[in-house]
Amino acid sequence: MTNNRHEQLGLSNEDVLRMYETMLTARRLDERMWLLNRSGKIPFVISCQGQEAAQVGAAFALDTEKDYIAPYYRDMGVVLHFGMTPKDLMLSAFAKAEDPNSGGRQMPGHFGQKKNRILTGSSPVTTQLPHAVGVALAGKIKKKDFITFVTLGEGSSNQGDFHEGANFAGVHKLPTIIMVENNKYAISVPVEKQLACEHVSDRAVGYGMPGHTVDGTDPLAVYEVVKAAADRARAGEGPTLVETICYRLTAHSSDDDHRAYRSEEDLKAEREKDPIPRFAAYLKEAGVLDDGTEKEMEDRVKQAVNEATDYAEAAPYAEPESALKYVYAEQGGDE
């Protein structure tokens, strides 16, 4: 019998190394995007830093061959696991014509890719929850073998779409997982001014579904909870609300200065909970990761990020004449 947590969860050494590399790829891409933004090369960044463990742990608990995901704007770790590439994400950051999300039309973080069953998102927060619930309803009606997974921030859990989507999912026992990545701030509003209850997951009982709060800096803890929720949904037992407690290690976005509402002491304390070094430490203690393997992984990720950056920066922008594509139907013939 093994003492390693990941093996007790049915994950191999290769699985957890892939988890770590996906987390690392998300982090290095995000760091590069901030540098590009500050050097005037891309217009906007909305960061995943600090939330990679929750994203990747959850994504690994899903079936990338059949499940549908409705990610929110920070979910770089989720979409990387579901098949988006560093090149795809950089093309979006540079708003180039090849951007698979929207052809350079939407802001970064508006993920959408039909071939990987990533539902396109929009700027108003929480709209993705009713979308995910609707896809789950369609799957149930058609007796399809998939579940849906939707993420949002704790600030979004206070919007009307959260209530409507969660209530509908609960009433109809739909195969969906709602995961709230609670990073403690809705832009600048702290969580204690957002919620009257202690946890977002406390709301689950009102929707007739189980609710769980889990350490969002621990990918294995998140994997365990989301895997149980996925198994429950596939068995026809309905939705689950999962709350992952995370820490946002950057400003809300590149247009925000979080020093106006967060003290340096608070930021320092949160940086000590950074999930990247914490998971690396676990893997080394478990005998899965050594310094040589870690360096190889860092080099591989750095090369992928460099190649994605170079390709996207050199790629062409969309033709101005294409601005109305996907907005109005194109008429053919003599009509």
C-alpha atoms as a PDB file:
ATOM      1  CA  MET A   1       0.000   0.000   0.000  1.00  0.00           C
ATOM      2  CA  THR A   2       1.343   3.417  -0.959  1.00  0.00           C
ATOM      3  CA  ASN A   3       1.646   6.447   1.277  1.00  0.00           C
ATOM      4  CA  ASN A   4       1.630   8.934  -1.623  1.00  0.00           C
ATOM      5  CA  ARG A   5      -1.599  10.894  -1.786  1.00  0.00           C
ATOM      6  CA  HIS A   6      -1.773  10.964  -5.565  1.00  0.00           C
ATOM      7  CA  GLU A   7      -1.537   7.190  -5.844  1.00  0.00           C
ATOM      8  CA  GLN A   8      -4.297   6.808  -3.270  1.00  0.00           C
ATOM      9  CA  LEU A   9      -6.422   8.959  -5.592  1.00  0.00           C
ATOM     10  CA  GLY A  10      -5.649   6.724  -8.572  1.00  0.00           C
ATOM     11  CA  LEU A  11      -3.190   9.146 -10.161  1.00  0.00           C
ATOM     12  CA  SER A  12       0.121   7.889 -11.534  1.00  0.00           C
ATOM     13  CA  ASN A  13       3.464   9.637 -11.236  1.00  0.00           C
ATOM     14  CA  GLU A  14       3.104  10.632 -14.893  1.00  0.00           C
ATOM     15  CA  ASP A  15      -0.315  12.138 -14.158  1.00  0.00           C
ATOM     16  CA  VAL A  16       0.945  14.415 -11.392  1.00  0.00           C
ATOM     17  CA  LEU A  17       3.986  15.452 -13.428  1.00  0.00           C
ATOM     18  CA  ARG A  18       1.614  16.463 -16.237  1.00  0.00           C
ATOM     19  CA  MET A  19      -0.458  18.346 -13.668  1.00  0.00           C
ATOM     20  CA  TYR A  20       2.594  20.236 -12.524  1.00  0.00           C
ATOM     21  CA  GLU A  21       3.771  20.997 -16.056  1.00  0.00           C
ATOM     22  CA  THR A  22       0.333  22.330 -16.981  1.00  0.00           C
ATOM     23  CA  MET A  23       0.337  24.555 -13.891  1.00  0.00           C
ATOM     24  CA  LEU A  24       3.839  25.730 -14.737  1.00  0.00           C
ATOM     25  CA  THR A  25       2.906  26.439 -18.364  1.00  0.00           C
ATOM     26  CA  ALA A  26      -0.047  28.554 -17.259  1.00  0.00           C
ATOM     27  CA  ARG A  27       2.169  30.503 -14.858  1.00  0.00           C
ATOM     28  CA  ARG A  28       4.977  31.137 -17.343  1.00  0.00           C
ATOM     29  CA  LEU A  29       2.516  32.195 -20.065  1.00  0.00           C
ATOM     30  CA  ASP A  30       0.842  34.563 -17.637  1.00  0.00           C
ATOM     31  CA  GLU A  31       4.160  36.050 -16.531  1.00  0.00           C
ATOM     32  CA  ARG A  32       5.163  36.589 -20.156  1.00  0.00           C
ATOM     33  CA  MET A  33       1.850  38.287 -20.909  1.00  0.00           C
ATOM     34  CA  TRP A  34       2.444  40.798 -18.104  1.00  0.00           C
ATOM     35  CA  LEU A  35       5.871  41.629 -19.553  1.00  0.00           C
ATOM     36  CA  LEU A  36       4.368  42.045 -23.021  1.00  0.00           C
ATOM     37  CA  ASN A  37       1.647  44.290 -21.626  1.00  0.00           C
ATOM     38  CA  ARG A  38       4.071  46.468 -19.708  1.00  0.00           C
ATOM     39  CA  SER A  39       6.221  46.837 -22.829  1.00  0.00           C
ATOM     40  CA  GLY A  40       3.216  47.997 -24.834  1.00  0.00           C
ATOM     41  CA  LYS A  41       2.909  44.933 -27.057  1.00  0.00           C
ATOM     42  CA  ILE A  42      -0.435  43.560 -25.843  1.00  0.00           C
ATOM     43  CA  PRO A  43      -3.312  45.636 -24.470  1.00  0.00           C
ATOM     44  CA  PHE A  44      -4.633  43.650 -21.528  1.00  0.00           C
ATOM     45  CA  VAL A  45      -3.911  40.810 -19.091  1.00  0.00           C
ATOM     46  CA  ILE A  46      -6.263  39.148 -16.625  1.00  0.00           C
ATOM     47  CA  SER A  47      -4.200  36.809 -14.541  1.00  0.00           C
ATOM     48  CA  CYS A  48      -4.403  33.184 -13.424  1.00  0.00           C
ATOM     49  CA  GLN A  49      -1.501  33.468 -10.979  1.00  0.00           C
ATOM     50  CA  GLY A  50      -2.315  31.776  -7.685  1.00  0.00           C
ATOM     51  CA  GLN A  51      -5.269  29.803  -9.041  1.00  0.00           C
ATOM     52  CA  GLU A  52      -3.466  27.256 -11.235  1.00  0.00           C
ATOM     53  CA  ALA A  53      -3.781  24.416  -8.714  1.00  0.00           C
ATOM     54  CA  ALA A  54      -7.566  24.700  -8.520  1.00  0.00           C
ATOM     55  CA  GLN A  55      -7.879  24.940 -12.290  1.00  0.00           C
ATOM     56  CA  VAL A  56      -5.594  22.062 -13.197  1.00  0.00           C
ATOM     57  CA  GLY A  57      -6.666  19.792 -10.359  1.00  0.00           C
ATOM     58  CA  ALA A  58     -10.290  20.166 -11.431  1.00  0.00           C
ATOM     59  CA  ALA A  59      -9.582  19.789 -15.149  1.00  0.00           C
ATOM     60  CA  PHE A  60      -7.748  16.505 -14.579  1.00  0.00           C
ATOM     61  CA  ALA A  61     -10.883  15.119 -12.919  1.00  0.00           C
ATOM     62  CA  LEU A  62     -12.878  15.589 -16.131  1.00  0.00           C
ATOM     63  CA  ASP A  63     -13.016  13.693 -19.427  1.00  0.00           C
ATOM     64  CA  THR A  64     -11.295  15.805 -22.081  1.00  0.00           C
ATOM     65  CA  GLU A  65     -12.746  13.621 -24.840  1.00  0.00           C
ATOM     66  CA  LYS A  66     -16.432  14.288 -24.111  1.00  0.00           C
ATOM     67  CA  ASP A  67     -17.125  16.795 -21.312  1.00  0.00           C
ATOM     68  CA  TYR A  68     -18.015  20.429 -22.021  1.00  0.00           C
ATOM     69  CA  ILE A  69     -16.440  23.293 -20.097  1.00  0.00           C
ATOM     70  CA  ALA A  70     -17.530  26.903 -19.619  1.00  0.00           C
ATOM     71  CA  PRO A  71     -14.442  28.557 -18.135  1.00  0.00           C
ATOM     72  CA  TYR A  72     -14.172  32.039 -16.720  1.00  0.00           C
ATOM     73  CA  TYR A  73     -11.521  34.518 -17.750  1.00  0.00           C
ATOM     74  CA  ARG A  74      -8.736  33.385 -15.402  1.00  0.00           C
ATOM     75  CA  ASP A  75      -8.905  29.702 -16.377  1.00  0.00           C
ATOM     76  CA  MET A  76      -5.718  29.306 -18.386  1.00  0.00           C
ATOM     77  CA  GLY A  77      -4.930  26.048 -16.573  1.00  0.00           C
ATOM     78  CA  VAL A  78      -8.316  24.544 -17.464  1.00  0.00           C
ATOM     79  CA  VAL A  79      -8.180  25.372 -21.156  1.00  0.00           C
ATOM     80  CA  LEU A  80      -4.565  24.208 -21.504  1.00  0.00           C
ATOM     81  CA  HIS A  81      -5.564  20.777 -20.206  1.00  0.00           C
ATOM     82  CA  PHE A  82      -8.559  20.703 -22.550  1.00  0.00           C
ATOM     83  CA  GLY A  83      -6.403  21.217 -25.615  1.00  0.00           C
ATOM     84  CA  MET A  84      -5.640  24.879 -26.089  1.00  0.00           C
ATOM     85  CA  THR A  85      -1.972  25.509 -26.792  1.00  0.00           C
ATOM     86  CA  PRO A  86       0.400  28.277 -25.716  1.00  0.00           C
ATOM     87  CA  LYS A  87       0.267  29.490 -29.317  1.00  0.00           C
ATOM     88  CA  ASP A  88      -3.545  29.697 -29.176  1.00  0.00           C
ATOM     89  CA  LEU A  89      -3.399  31.746 -25.992  1.00  0.00           C
ATOM     90  CA  MET A  90      -0.715  34.095 -27.275  1.00  0.00           C
ATOM     91  CA  LEU A  91      -2.640  34.667 -30.508  1.00  0.00           C
ATOM     92  CA  SER A  92      -5.551  35.743 -28.345  1.00  0.00           C
ATOM     93  CA  ALA A  93      -3.348  38.039 -26.226  1.00  0.00           C
ATOM     94  CA  PHE A  94      -2.021  39.733 -29.371  1.00  0.00           C
ATOM     95  CA  ALA A  95      -5.558  39.801 -30.899  1.00  0.00           C
ATOM     96  CA  LYS A  96      -4.400  38.245 -34.154  1.00  0.00           C
ATOM     97  CA  ALA A  97      -6.519  36.800 -36.969  1.00  0.00           C
ATOM     98  CA  GLU A  98      -5.597  33.203 -36.071  1.00  0.00           C
ATOM     99  CA  ASP A  99      -6.848  33.593 -32.501  1.00  0.00           C
ATOM    100  CA  PRO A 100      -9.059  30.481 -32.140  1.00  0.00           C
ATOM    101  CA  ASN A 101     -11.290  32.126 -29.546  1.00  0.00           C
ATOM    102  CA  SER A 102     -12.673  34.972 -31.630  1.00  0.00           C
ATOM    103  CA  GLY A 103     -10.295  35.827 -34.462  1.00  0.00           C
ATOM    104  CA  GLY A 104      -8.907  38.725 -32.434  1.00  0.00           C
ATOM    105  CA  ARG A 105     -12.321  40.223 -31.690  1.00  0.00           C
ATOM    106  CA  GLN A 106     -12.671  39.590 -27.967  1.00  0.00           C
ATOM    107  CA  MET A 107     -10.453  40.512 -25.040  1.00  0.00           C
ATOM    108  CA  PRO A 108      -8.012  37.906 -23.719  1.00  0.00           C
ATOM    109  CA  GLY A 109      -9.605  35.393 -21.374  1.00  0.00           C
ATOM    110  CA  HIS A 110     -12.757  35.024 -23.464  1.00  0.00           C
ATOM    111  CA  PHE A 111     -12.030  31.381 -24.196  1.00  0.00           C
ATOM    112  CA  GLY A 112     -13.963  29.420 -26.794  1.00  0.00           C
ATOM    113  CA  GLN A 113     -12.985  26.480 -28.999  1.00  0.00           C
ATOM    114  CA  LYS A 114     -15.583  24.199 -30.514  1.00  0.00           C
ATOM    115  CA  LYS A 115     -13.261  21.262 -31.263  1.00  0.00           C
ATOM    116  CA  ASN A 116     -12.321  21.026 -27.583  1.00  0.00           C
ATOM    117  CA  ARG A 117     -15.876  21.661 -26.317  1.00  0.00           C
ATOM    118  CA  ILE A 118     -14.916  24.966 -24.692  1.00  0.00           C
ATOM    119  CA  LEU A 119     -18.041  27.144 -24.617  1.00  0.00           C
ATOM    120  CA  THR A 120     -17.347  30.722 -25.638  1.00  0.00           C
ATOM    121  CA  GLY A 121     -17.573  33.292 -22.869  1.00  0.00           C
ATOM    122  CA  SER A 122     -18.692  36.912 -22.825  1.00  0.00           C
ATOM    123  CA  SER A 123     -17.703  39.953 -20.802  1.00  0.00           C
ATOM    124  CA  PRO A 124     -20.673  40.169 -18.402  1.00  0.00           C
ATOM    125  CA  VAL A 125     -19.678  37.898 -15.532  1.00  0.00           C
ATOM    126  CA  THR A 126     -21.594  34.696 -14.697  1.00  0.00           C
ATOM    127  CA  THR A 127     -23.338  34.353 -18.067  1.00  0.00           C
ATOM    128  CA  GLN A 128     -21.370  31.128 -18.531  1.00  0.00           C
ATOM    129  CA  LEU A 129     -23.264  29.383 -15.716  1.00  0.00           C
ATOM    130  CA  PRO A 130     -26.693  29.278 -17.409  1.00  0.00           C
ATOM    131  CA  HIS A 131     -24.889  28.292 -20.630  1.00  0.00           C
ATOM    132  CA  ALA A 132     -23.240  25.290 -18.959  1.00  0.00           C
ATOM    133  CA  VAL A 133     -26.508  24.320 -17.323  1.00  0.00           C
ATOM    134  CA  GLY A 134     -28.287  24.559 -20.687  1.00  0.00           C
ATOM    135  CA  VAL A 135     -25.747  22.284 -22.337  1.00  0.00           C
ATOM    136  CA  ALA A 136     -26.165  19.830 -19.450  1.00  0.00           C
ATOM    137  CA  LEU A 137     -29.946  19.918 -20.000  1.00  0.00           C
ATOM    138  CA  ALA A 138     -29.469  19.223 -23.711  1.00  0.00           C
ATOM    139  CA  GLY A 139     -27.209  16.288 -22.872  1.00  0.00           C
ATOM    140  CA  LYS A 140     -29.742  14.864 -20.444  1.00  0.00           C
ATOM    141  CA  ILE A 141     -32.600  15.203 -22.930  1.00  0.00           C
ATOM    142  CA  LYS A 142     -30.555  13.528 -25.674  1.00  0.00           C
ATOM    143  CA  LYS A 143     -29.207  10.914 -23.237  1.00  0.00           C
ATOM    144  CA  LYS A 144     -25.621  11.875 -24.036  1.00  0.00           C
ATOM    145  CA  ASP A 145     -22.745  10.644 -21.907  1.00  0.00           C
ATOM    146  CA  PHE A 146     -21.109  13.920 -20.886  1.00  0.00           C
ATOM    147  CA  ILE A 147     -21.167  16.382 -18.034  1.00  0.00           C
ATOM    148  CA  THR A 148     -20.551  20.124 -17.993  1.00  0.00           C
ATOM    149  CA  PHE A 149     -18.135  22.057 -15.816  1.00  0.00           C
ATOM    150  CA  VAL A 150     -18.390  25.792 -15.200  1.00  0.00           C
ATOM    151  CA  THR A 151     -16.141  28.113 -13.230  1.00  0.00           C
ATOM    152  CA  LEU A 152     -16.518  31.614 -11.859  1.00  0.00           C
ATOM    153  CA  GLY A 153     -15.132  33.895  -9.179  1.00  0.00           C
ATOM    154  CA  GLU A 154     -16.806  34.410  -5.815  1.00  0.00           C
ATOM    155  CA  GLY A 155     -17.834  37.902  -6.923  1.00  0.00           C
ATOM    156  CA  SER A 156     -19.792  36.324  -9.773  1.00  0.00           C
ATOM    157  CA  SER A 157     -21.631  34.106  -7.300  1.00  0.00           C
ATOM    158  CA  ASN A 158     -23.547  37.209  -6.211  1.00  0.00           C
ATOM    159  CA  GLN A 159     -25.025  37.829  -9.661  1.00  0.00           C
ATOM    160  CA  GLY A 160     -28.546  36.841 -10.701  1.00  0.00           C
ATOM    161  CA  ASP A 161     -27.281  34.367 -13.293  1.00  0.00           C
ATOM    162  CA  PHE A 162     -25.703  32.334 -10.483  1.00  0.00           C
ATOM    163  CA  HIS A 163     -29.058  31.859  -8.767  1.00  0.00           C
ATOM    164  CA  GLU A 164     -30.944  31.129 -11.972  1.00  0.00           C
ATOM    165  CA  GLY A 165     -28.377  28.648 -13.250  1.00  0.00           C
ATOM    166  CA  ALA A 166     -27.781  26.847  -9.963  1.00  0.00           C
ATOM    167  CA  ASN A 167     -31.485  26.665  -9.180  1.00  0.00           C
ATOM    168  CA  PHE A 168     -32.336  25.259 -12.616  1.00  0.00           C
ATOM    169  CA  ALA A 169     -29.533  22.686 -12.347  1.00  0.00           C
ATOM    170  CA  GLY A 170     -30.750  21.607  -8.924  1.00  0.00           C
ATOM    171  CA  VAL A 171     -34.427  21.373  -9.873  1.00  0.00           C
ATOM    172  CA  HIS A 172     -33.693  19.234 -12.940  1.00  0.00           C
ATOM    173  CA  LYS A 173     -30.795  17.275 -11.379  1.00  0.00           C
ATOM    174  CA  LEU A 174     -28.532  18.174 -14.280  1.00  0.00           C
ATOM    175  CA  PRO A 175     -25.063  16.670 -14.797  1.00  0.00           C
ATOM    176  CA  THR A 176     -23.049  19.790 -14.087  1.00  0.00           C
ATOM    177  CA  ILE A 177     -20.340  20.955 -11.697  1.00  0.00           C
ATOM    178  CA  ILE A 178     -20.236  24.585 -10.584  1.00  0.00           C
ATOM    179  CA  MET A 179     -16.802  25.559  -9.309  1.00  0.00           C
ATOM    180  CA  VAL A 180     -16.292  28.928  -7.639  1.00  0.00           C
ATOM    181  CA  GLU A 181     -12.646  30.006  -7.492  1.00  0.00           C
ATOM    182  CA  ASN A 182     -12.789  32.170  -4.386  1.00  0.00           C
ATOM    183  CA  ASN A 183      -9.720  34.420  -4.541  1.00  0.00           C
ATOM    184  CA  LYS A 184     -11.117  36.747  -1.852  1.00  0.00           C
ATOM    185  CA  TYR A 185     -11.586  39.812  -4.063  1.00  0.00           C
ATOM    186  CA  ALA A 186     -14.208  40.916  -6.583  1.00  0.00           C
ATOM    187  CA  ILE A 187     -11.816  43.367  -8.220  1.00  0.00           C
ATOM    188  CA  SER A 188     -11.292  45.493  -5.065  1.00  0.00           C
ATOM    189  CA  VAL A 189     -14.237  44.331  -2.932  1.00  0.00           C
ATOM    190  CA  PRO A 190     -13.120  41.889  -0.225  1.00  0.00           C
ATOM    191  CA  VAL A 191     -15.074  38.690   0.304  1.00  0.00           C
ATOM    192  CA  GLU A 192     -16.458  39.772   3.680  1.00  0.00           C
ATOM    193  CA  LYS A 193     -18.321  42.581   1.904  1.00  0.00           C
ATOM    194  CA  GLN A 194     -19.684  40.165  -0.706  1.00  0.00           C
ATOM    195  CA  LEU A 195     -21.092  37.270   1.334  1.00  0.00           C
ATOM    196  CA  ALA A 196     -23.359  37.191   4.380  1.00  0.00           C
ATOM    197  CA  CYS A 197     -22.589  33.475   4.821  1.00  0.00           C
ATOM    198  CA  GLU A 198     -19.174  32.053   5.654  1.00  0.00           C
ATOM    199  CA  HIS A 199     -18.647  30.079   2.460  1.00  0.00           C
ATOM    200  CA  VAL A 200     -20.031  30.258  -1.070  1.00  0.00           C
ATOM    201  CA  SER A 201     -20.645  26.516  -0.737  1.00  0.00           C
ATOM    202  CA  ASP A 202     -23.132  27.225   2.093  1.00  0.00           C
ATOM    203  CA  ARG A 203     -25.555  28.306  -0.631  1.00  0.00           C
ATOM    204  CA  ALA A 204     -25.688  24.809  -2.137  1.00  0.00           C
ATOM    205  CA  VAL A 205     -28.384  23.576   0.241  1.00  0.00           C
ATOM    206  CA  GLY A 206     -30.790  26.159  -1.182  1.00  0.00           C
ATOM    207  CA  TYR A 207     -30.390  24.563  -4.595  1.00  0.00           C
ATOM    208  CA  GLY A 208     -30.758  20.970  -3.441  1.00  0.00           C
ATOM    209  CA  MET A 209     -27.162  20.020  -4.183  1.00  0.00           C
ATOM    210  CA  PRO A 210     -24.098  19.189  -2.083  1.00  0.00           C
ATOM    211  CA  GLY A 211     -21.565  21.939  -1.481  1.00  0.00           C
ATOM    212  CA  HIS A 212     -17.871  21.567  -0.714  1.00  0.00           C
ATOM    213  CA  THR A 213     -15.149  24.038   0.238  1.00  0.00           C
ATOM    214  CA  VAL A 214     -11.617  22.885  -0.543  1.00  0.00           C
ATOM    215  CA  ASP A 215      -8.064  24.229  -0.451  1.00  0.00           C
ATOM    216  CA  GLY A 216      -7.568  25.718  -3.900  1.00  0.00           C
ATOM    217  CA  THR A 217      -3.784  25.745  -3.532  1.00  0.00           C
ATOM    218  CA  ASP A 218      -3.746  21.921  -3.446  1.00  0.00           C
ATOM    219  CA  PRO A 219      -4.426  20.347  -6.858  1.00  0.00           C
ATOM    220  CA  LEU A 220      -4.886  16.886  -5.369  1.00  0.00           C
ATOM    221  CA  ALA A 221      -7.526  18.077  -2.903  1.00  0.00           C
ATOM    222  CA  VAL A 222      -9.392  19.798  -5.738  1.00  0.00           C
ATOM    223  CA  TYR A 223      -9.037  16.742  -7.971  1.00  0.00           C
ATOM    224  CA  GLU A 224     -10.551  14.513  -5.286  1.00  0.00           C
ATOM    225  CA  VAL A 225     -13.603  16.710  -4.746  1.00  0.00           C
ATOM    226  CA  VAL A 226     -14.250  17.394  -8.443  1.00  0.00           C
ATOM    227  CA  LYS A 227     -13.757  13.724  -9.364  1.00  0.00           C
ATOM    228  CA  ALA A 228     -16.416  12.755  -6.802  1.00  0.00           C
ATOM    229  CA  ALA A 229     -18.716  15.460  -8.201  1.00  0.00           C
ATOM    230  CA  ALA A 230     -18.113  14.201 -11.747  1.00  0.00           C
ATOM    231  CA  ASP A 231     -18.846  10.605 -10.748  1.00  0.00           C
ATOM    232  CA  ARG A 232     -22.019  11.780  -9.032  1.00  0.00           C
ATOM    233  CA  ALA A 233     -23.143  13.732 -12.108  1.00  0.00           C
ATOM    234  CA  ARG A 234     -22.445  10.808 -14.454  1.00  0.00           C
ATOM    235  CA  ALA A 235     -24.501   8.549 -12.184  1.00  0.00           C
ATOM    236  CA  GLY A 236     -27.524  10.803 -12.644  1.00  0.00           C
ATOM    237  CA  GLU A 237     -27.406  12.222  -9.123  1.00  0.00           C
ATOM    238  CA  GLY A 238     -27.313  15.855 -10.189  1.00  0.00           C
ATOM    239  CA  PRO A 239     -25.075  18.911  -9.746  1.00  0.00           C
ATOM    240  CA  THR A 240     -22.477  19.850  -7.150  1.00  0.00           C
ATOM    241  CA  LEU A 241     -21.218  23.247  -5.983  1.00  0.00           C
ATOM    242  CA  VAL A 242     -17.473  23.331  -5.288  1.00  0.00           C
ATOM    243  CA  GLU A 243     -15.697  26.313  -3.737  1.00  0.00           C
ATOM    244  CA  THR A 244     -11.904  26.444  -4.010  1.00  0.00           C
ATOM    245  CA  ILE A 245     -10.127  28.850  -1.662  1.00  0.00           C
ATOM    246  CA  CYS A 246      -7.436  30.544  -3.747  1.00  0.00           C
ATOM    247  CA  TYR A 247      -5.217  33.597  -3.570  1.00  0.00           C
ATOM    248  CA  ARG A 248      -4.955  36.128  -6.382  1.00  0.00           C
ATOM    249  CA  LEU A 249      -1.239  36.885  -6.590  1.00  0.00           C
ATOM    250  CA  THR A 250      -1.592  39.842  -8.957  1.00  0.00           C
ATOM    251  CA  ALA A 251      -3.838  42.831  -9.432  1.00  0.00           C
ATOM    252  CA  HIS A 252      -7.307  42.088 -10.797  1.00  0.00           C
ATOM    253  CA  SER A 253      -6.019  42.903 -14.264  1.00  0.00           C
ATOM    254  CA  SER A 254      -3.355  44.984 -15.977  1.00  0.00           C
ATOM    255  CA  ASP A 255      -5.693  47.982 -15.619  1.00  0.00           C
ATOM    256  CA  ASP A 256      -5.867  47.663 -11.822  1.00  0.00           C
ATOM    257  CA  ASP A 257      -3.493  48.718  -9.027  1.00  0.00           C
ATOM    258  CA  HIS A 258      -4.202  46.441  -6.076  1.00  0.00           C
ATOM    259  CA  ARG A 259      -1.856  48.407  -3.830  1.00  0.00           C
ATOM    260  CA  ALA A 260      -4.784  50.781  -3.329  1.00  0.00           C
ATOM    261  CA  TYR A 261      -6.723  48.151  -1.380  1.00  0.00           C
ATOM    262  CA  ARG A 262      -4.236  45.409  -0.351  1.00  0.00           C
ATOM    263  CA  SER A 263      -1.385  45.834   2.093  1.00  0.00           C
ATOM    264  CA  GLU A 264       2.112  44.578   1.379  1.00  0.00           C
ATOM    265  CA  GLU A 265       1.809  42.356   4.452  1.00  0.00           C
ATOM    266  CA  ASP A 266      -1.306  40.668   3.029  1.00  0.00           C
ATOM    267  CA  LEU A 267       0.338  40.184  -0.354  1.00  0.00           C
ATOM    268  CA  LYS A 268       3.439  38.677   1.236  1.00  0.00           C
ATOM    269  CA  ALA A 269       1.324  36.232   3.250  1.00  0.00           C
ATOM    270  CA  GLU A 270      -0.560  35.181   0.122  1.00  0.00           C
ATOM    271  CA  ARG A 271       2.617  34.713  -1.912  1.00  0.00           C
ATOM    272  CA  GLU A 272       3.742  32.188   0.688  1.00  0.00           C
ATOM    273  CA  LYS A 273       0.720  30.097  -0.357  1.00  0.00           C
ATOM    274  CA  ASP A 274       1.765  30.067  -4.023  1.00  0.00           C
ATOM    275  CA  PRO A 275       0.594  26.671  -5.364  1.00  0.00           C
ATOM    276  CA  ILE A 276       3.492  26.205  -7.803  1.00  0.00           C
ATOM    277  CA  PRO A 277       6.351  25.790  -5.287  1.00  0.00           C
ATOM    278  CA  ARG A 278       4.013  24.004  -2.877  1.00  0.00           C
ATOM    279  CA  PHE A 279       3.128  21.305  -5.401  1.00  0.00           C
ATOM    280  CA  ALA A 280       6.757  21.026  -6.507  1.00  0.00           C
ATOM    281  CA  ALA A 281       7.718  20.411  -2.873  1.00  0.00           C
ATOM    282  CA  TYR A 282       5.102  17.660  -2.593  1.00  0.00           C
ATOM    283  CA  LEU A 283       6.323  15.981  -5.780  1.00  0.00           C
ATOM    284  CA  LYS A 284       9.923  16.046  -4.569  1.00  0.00           C
ATOM    285  CA  GLU A 285       8.950  14.659  -1.173  1.00  0.00           C
ATOM    286  CA  ALA A 286       6.995  11.891  -2.941  1.00  0.00           C
ATOM    287  CA  GLY A 287      10.062  11.024  -5.021  1.00  0.00           C
ATOM    288  CA  VAL A 288       8.364  11.960  -8.291  1.00  0.00           C
ATOM    289  CA  LEU A 289      10.280  15.141  -9.169  1.00  0.00           C
ATOM    290  CA  ASP A 290      13.997  15.788  -8.896  1.00  0.00           C
ATOM    291  CA  ASP A 291      16.088  18.827  -9.780  1.00  0.00           C
ATOM    292  CA  GLY A 292      17.054  17.430 -13.186  1.00  0.00           C
ATOM    293  CA  THR A 293      13.481  16.670 -14.207  1.00  0.00           C
ATOM    294  CA  GLU A 294      12.361  20.052 -12.932  1.00  0.00           C
ATOM    295  CA  LYS A 295      14.987  21.861 -15.018  1.00  0.00           C
ATOM    296  CA  GLU A 296      14.039  19.884 -18.131  1.00  0.00           C
ATOM    297  CA  MET A 297      10.421  20.832 -17.558  1.00  0.00           C
ATOM    298  CA  GLU A 298      11.245  24.511 -17.035  1.00  0.00           C
ATOM    299  CA  ASP A 299      13.349  24.536 -20.217  1.00  0.00           C
ATOM    300  CA  ARG A 300      10.576  22.828 -22.203  1.00  0.00           C
ATOM    301  CA  VAL A 301       7.956  25.282 -20.937  1.00  0.00           C
ATOM    302  CA  LYS A 302      10.211  28.272 -21.594  1.00  0.00           C
ATOM    303  CA  GLN A 303      10.786  27.127 -25.167  1.00  0.00           C
ATOM    304  CA  ALA A 304       7.042  26.666 -25.734  1.00  0.00           C
ATOM    305  CA  VAL A 305       6.308  30.138 -24.354  1.00  0.00           C
ATOM    306  CA  ASN A 306       9.084  31.724 -26.454  1.00  0.00           C
ATOM    307  CA  GLU A 307       7.899  30.010 -29.636  1.00  0.00           C
ATOM    308  CA  ALA A 308       4.275  30.965 -28.953  1.00  0.00           C
ATOM    309  CA  THR A 309       5.251  34.577 -28.302  1.00  0.00           C
ATOM    310  CA  ASP A 310       7.373  34.866 -31.449  1.00  0.00           C
ATOM    311  CA  TYR A 311       4.717  33.245 -33.626  1.00  0.00           C
ATOM    312  CA  ALA A 312       1.853  35.342 -32.296  1.00  0.00           C
ATOM    313  CA  GLU A 313       3.758  38.622 -32.461  1.00  0.00           C
ATOM    314  CA  ALA A 314       4.634  38.007 -36.121  1.00  0.00           C
ATOM    315  CA  ALA A 315       1.171  36.732 -37.110  1.00  0.00           C
ATOM    316  CA  PRO A 316      -1.112  39.040 -39.119  1.00  0.00           C
ATOM    317  CA  TYR A 317      -4.025  40.958 -37.673  1.00  0.00           C
ATOM    318  CA  ALA A 318      -7.515  40.365 -39.038  1.00  0.00           C
ATOM    319  CA  GLU A 319      -8.436  42.326 -42.144  1.00  0.00           C
ATOM    320  CA  PRO A 320     -10.501  45.420 -41.257  1.00  0.00           C
ATOM    321  CA  GLU A 321     -13.103  44.272 -43.777  1.00  0.00           C
ATOM    322  CA  SER A 322     -13.805  41.232 -41.597  1.00  0.00           C
ATOM    323  CA  ALA A 323     -15.012  43.300 -38.620  1.00  0.00           C
ATOM    324  CA  LEU A 324     -18.666  42.481 -39.225  1.00  0.00           C
ATOM    325  CA  LYS A 325     -18.089  38.760 -39.751  1.00  0.00           C
ATOM    326  CA  TYR A 326     -20.143  36.672 -37.309  1.00  0.00           C
ATOM    327  CA  VAL A 327     -22.276  39.757 -36.571  1.00  0.00           C
ATOM    328  CA  TYR A 328     -24.541  39.844 -39.622  1.00  0.00           C
ATOM    329  CA  ALA A 329     -25.589  36.949 -41.836  1.00  0.00           C
ATOM    330  CA  GLU A 330     -23.960  37.016 -45.258  1.00  0.00           C
ATOM    331  CA  GLN A 331     -26.515  37.119 -48.050  1.00  0.00           C
ATOM    332  CA  GLY A 332     -25.848  35.168 -51.212  1.00  0.00           C
ATOM    333  CA  GLY A 333     -27.014  35.296 -54.806  1.00  0.00           C
ATOM    334  CA  ASP A 334     -29.288  38.162 -55.882  1.00  0.00           C
ATOM    335  CA  GLU A 335     -30.932  38.587 -52.483  1.00  0.00           C
END
